[in-house]
Amino acid sequence: MADDQDRSVRTYTILFSAVGAVMLLVGLLDLLTTDDNALLAWVIIACGVFNIGLAIVFHRRRG
């Protein structure tokens, strides 16, 4: 039972880290390459940072 929960937390940690990194990268690319809507780029960056923060919470919960 504990192994299943540990594997689930590890999966969520990896998932949120990957999604956060992709969102952070997309937000930075959008901010640097387009002049259309900087607010949208900052919102994407903030969501990426939030996802990485959730991954840190999941990782600490595992340990």
N, C-alpha and C. Protein backbone atom coordinates (compact mmCIF):
# COMPACT_ATOMS: atom_id res chain seq x y z
N MET A 1 0.83 -1.20 0.00
CA MET A 1 0.00 0.00 0.00
C MET A 1 0.87 1.26 0.00
N ALA A 2 1.90 1.26 0.83
CA ALA A 2 2.78 2.43 0.89
C ALA A 2 3.55 2.60 -0.41
N ASP A 3 3.89 1.48 -1.05
CA ASP A 3 4.61 1.57 -2.32
C ASP A 3 3.75 2.19 -3.41
N ASP A 4 2.46 1.85 -3.41
CA ASP A 4 1.54 2.44 -4.39
C ASP A 4 1.39 3.93 -4.17
N GLN A 5 1.31 4.35 -2.92
CA GLN A 5 1.18 5.78 -2.63
C GLN A 5 2.47 6.52 -2.97
N ASP A 6 3.62 5.91 -2.68
CA ASP A 6 4.90 6.52 -3.01
C ASP A 6 5.05 6.67 -4.52
N ARG A 7 4.64 5.66 -5.26
CA ARG A 7 4.71 5.72 -6.72
C ARG A 7 3.76 6.78 -7.26
N SER A 8 2.58 6.91 -6.66
CA SER A 8 1.62 7.91 -7.09
C SER A 8 2.15 9.33 -6.83
N VAL A 9 2.74 9.55 -5.66
CA VAL A 9 3.29 10.86 -5.34
C VAL A 9 4.47 11.17 -6.27
N ARG A 10 5.30 10.17 -6.57
CA ARG A 10 6.41 10.38 -7.49
C ARG A 10 5.91 10.73 -8.89
N THR A 11 4.84 10.07 -9.32
CA THR A 11 4.26 10.36 -10.63
C THR A 11 3.74 11.79 -10.69
N TYR A 12 3.03 12.22 -9.65
CA TYR A 12 2.53 13.59 -9.62
C TYR A 12 3.66 14.61 -9.56
N THR A 13 4.71 14.28 -8.83
CA THR A 13 5.86 15.18 -8.76
C THR A 13 6.48 15.38 -10.13
N ILE A 14 6.69 14.29 -10.84
CA ILE A 14 7.27 14.37 -12.18
C ILE A 14 6.33 15.10 -13.13
N LEU A 15 5.04 14.79 -13.04
CA LEU A 15 4.05 15.41 -13.93
C LEU A 15 3.99 16.92 -13.72
N PHE A 16 3.87 17.36 -12.47
CA PHE A 16 3.77 18.79 -12.21
C PHE A 16 5.08 19.51 -12.54
N SER A 17 6.22 18.85 -12.32
CA SER A 17 7.50 19.47 -12.69
C SER A 17 7.60 19.66 -14.19
N ALA A 18 7.23 18.63 -14.94
CA ALA A 18 7.31 18.72 -16.40
C ALA A 18 6.36 19.77 -16.95
N VAL A 19 5.13 19.76 -16.48
CA VAL A 19 4.15 20.74 -16.97
C VAL A 19 4.58 22.15 -16.58
N GLY A 20 5.08 22.33 -15.37
CA GLY A 20 5.54 23.64 -14.94
C GLY A 20 6.71 24.14 -15.76
N ALA A 21 7.66 23.24 -16.06
CA ALA A 21 8.81 23.64 -16.87
C ALA A 21 8.40 24.03 -18.28
N VAL A 22 7.48 23.25 -18.86
CA VAL A 22 7.00 23.57 -20.21
C VAL A 22 6.26 24.91 -20.21
N MET A 23 5.41 25.13 -19.23
CA MET A 23 4.67 26.40 -19.17
C MET A 23 5.62 27.57 -18.96
N LEU A 24 6.62 27.38 -18.12
CA LEU A 24 7.60 28.43 -17.89
C LEU A 24 8.35 28.76 -19.18
N LEU A 25 8.76 27.73 -19.90
CA LEU A 25 9.47 27.93 -21.17
C LEU A 25 8.58 28.61 -22.21
N VAL A 26 7.35 28.15 -22.33
CA VAL A 26 6.42 28.75 -23.30
C VAL A 26 6.13 30.21 -22.95
N GLY A 27 5.94 30.47 -21.67
CA GLY A 27 5.69 31.85 -21.24
C GLY A 27 6.86 32.77 -21.52
N LEU A 28 8.08 32.28 -21.25
CA LEU A 28 9.26 33.09 -21.54
C LEU A 28 9.44 33.32 -23.04
N LEU A 29 9.22 32.26 -23.83
CA LEU A 29 9.32 32.43 -25.29
C LEU A 29 8.28 33.41 -25.80
N ASP A 30 7.06 33.31 -25.27
CA ASP A 30 6.00 34.23 -25.69
C ASP A 30 6.34 35.66 -25.29
N LEU A 31 6.88 35.83 -24.11
CA LEU A 31 7.24 37.17 -23.62
C LEU A 31 8.36 37.78 -24.46
N LEU A 32 9.32 36.97 -24.84
CA LEU A 32 10.48 37.48 -25.55
C LEU A 32 10.26 37.64 -27.06
N THR A 33 9.34 36.88 -27.65
CA THR A 33 9.21 36.90 -29.10
C THR A 33 8.03 37.71 -29.62
N THR A 34 7.01 37.91 -28.81
CA THR A 34 5.84 38.66 -29.31
C THR A 34 5.63 39.91 -28.48
N ASP A 35 5.05 40.90 -29.11
CA ASP A 35 4.72 42.14 -28.42
C ASP A 35 3.22 42.31 -28.24
N ASP A 36 2.46 41.26 -28.57
CA ASP A 36 1.01 41.38 -28.58
C ASP A 36 0.41 41.47 -27.17
N ASN A 37 0.64 40.45 -26.36
CA ASN A 37 -0.05 40.41 -25.08
C ASN A 37 0.92 39.93 -24.00
N ALA A 38 1.57 40.86 -23.35
CA ALA A 38 2.54 40.52 -22.31
C ALA A 38 1.85 39.96 -21.07
N LEU A 39 0.62 40.39 -20.80
CA LEU A 39 -0.10 39.89 -19.63
C LEU A 39 -0.31 38.38 -19.72
N LEU A 40 -0.67 37.90 -20.89
CA LEU A 40 -0.86 36.47 -21.09
C LEU A 40 0.43 35.70 -20.84
N ALA A 41 1.54 36.23 -21.29
CA ALA A 41 2.83 35.58 -21.06
C ALA A 41 3.14 35.52 -19.57
N TRP A 42 2.87 36.59 -18.85
CA TRP A 42 3.12 36.59 -17.41
C TRP A 42 2.20 35.63 -16.68
N VAL A 43 0.97 35.48 -17.14
CA VAL A 43 0.04 34.52 -16.53
C VAL A 43 0.54 33.10 -16.77
N ILE A 44 1.02 32.81 -17.96
CA ILE A 44 1.56 31.48 -18.26
C ILE A 44 2.79 31.21 -17.39
N ILE A 45 3.65 32.19 -17.24
CA ILE A 45 4.85 32.04 -16.39
C ILE A 45 4.43 31.79 -14.94
N ALA A 46 3.44 32.54 -14.46
CA ALA A 46 2.98 32.36 -13.08
C ALA A 46 2.38 30.97 -12.87
N CYS A 47 1.65 30.47 -13.85
CA CYS A 47 1.08 29.13 -13.74
C CYS A 47 2.20 28.07 -13.74
N GLY A 48 3.22 28.29 -14.53
CA GLY A 48 4.36 27.37 -14.53
C GLY A 48 5.06 27.34 -13.18
N VAL A 49 5.26 28.50 -12.59
CA VAL A 49 5.89 28.57 -11.27
C VAL A 49 5.00 27.90 -10.23
N PHE A 50 3.70 28.09 -10.34
CA PHE A 50 2.76 27.46 -9.42
C PHE A 50 2.83 25.94 -9.52
N ASN A 51 2.90 25.42 -10.74
CA ASN A 51 3.01 23.97 -10.93
C ASN A 51 4.31 23.43 -10.36
N ILE A 52 5.39 24.15 -10.53
CA ILE A 52 6.66 23.71 -9.95
C ILE A 52 6.57 23.75 -8.42
N GLY A 53 5.88 24.75 -7.88
CA GLY A 53 5.66 24.80 -6.44
C GLY A 53 4.85 23.61 -5.94
N LEU A 54 3.83 23.21 -6.69
CA LEU A 54 3.07 22.01 -6.32
C LEU A 54 3.95 20.77 -6.36
N ALA A 55 4.84 20.69 -7.32
CA ALA A 55 5.75 19.55 -7.41
C ALA A 55 6.65 19.50 -6.17
N ILE A 56 7.09 20.66 -5.70
CA ILE A 56 7.92 20.69 -4.49
C ILE A 56 7.12 20.22 -3.28
N VAL A 57 5.86 20.63 -3.20
CA VAL A 57 5.00 20.17 -2.10
C VAL A 57 4.83 18.66 -2.14
N PHE A 58 4.56 18.10 -3.34
CA PHE A 58 4.42 16.66 -3.47
C PHE A 58 5.73 15.94 -3.10
N HIS A 59 6.86 16.52 -3.49
CA HIS A 59 8.14 15.90 -3.19
C HIS A 59 8.41 15.90 -1.69
N ARG A 60 8.09 16.97 -1.01
CA ARG A 60 8.30 17.04 0.44
C ARG A 60 7.36 16.09 1.17
N ARG A 61 6.17 15.89 0.61
CA ARG A 61 5.21 14.99 1.22
C ARG A 61 5.70 13.55 1.12
N ARG A 62 6.44 13.26 0.08
CA ARG A 62 6.98 11.92 -0.12
C ARG A 62 8.06 11.60 0.89
N GLY A 63 8.86 12.62 1.22
CA GLY A 63 10.01 12.40 2.09
C GLY A 63 9.71 12.38 3.51
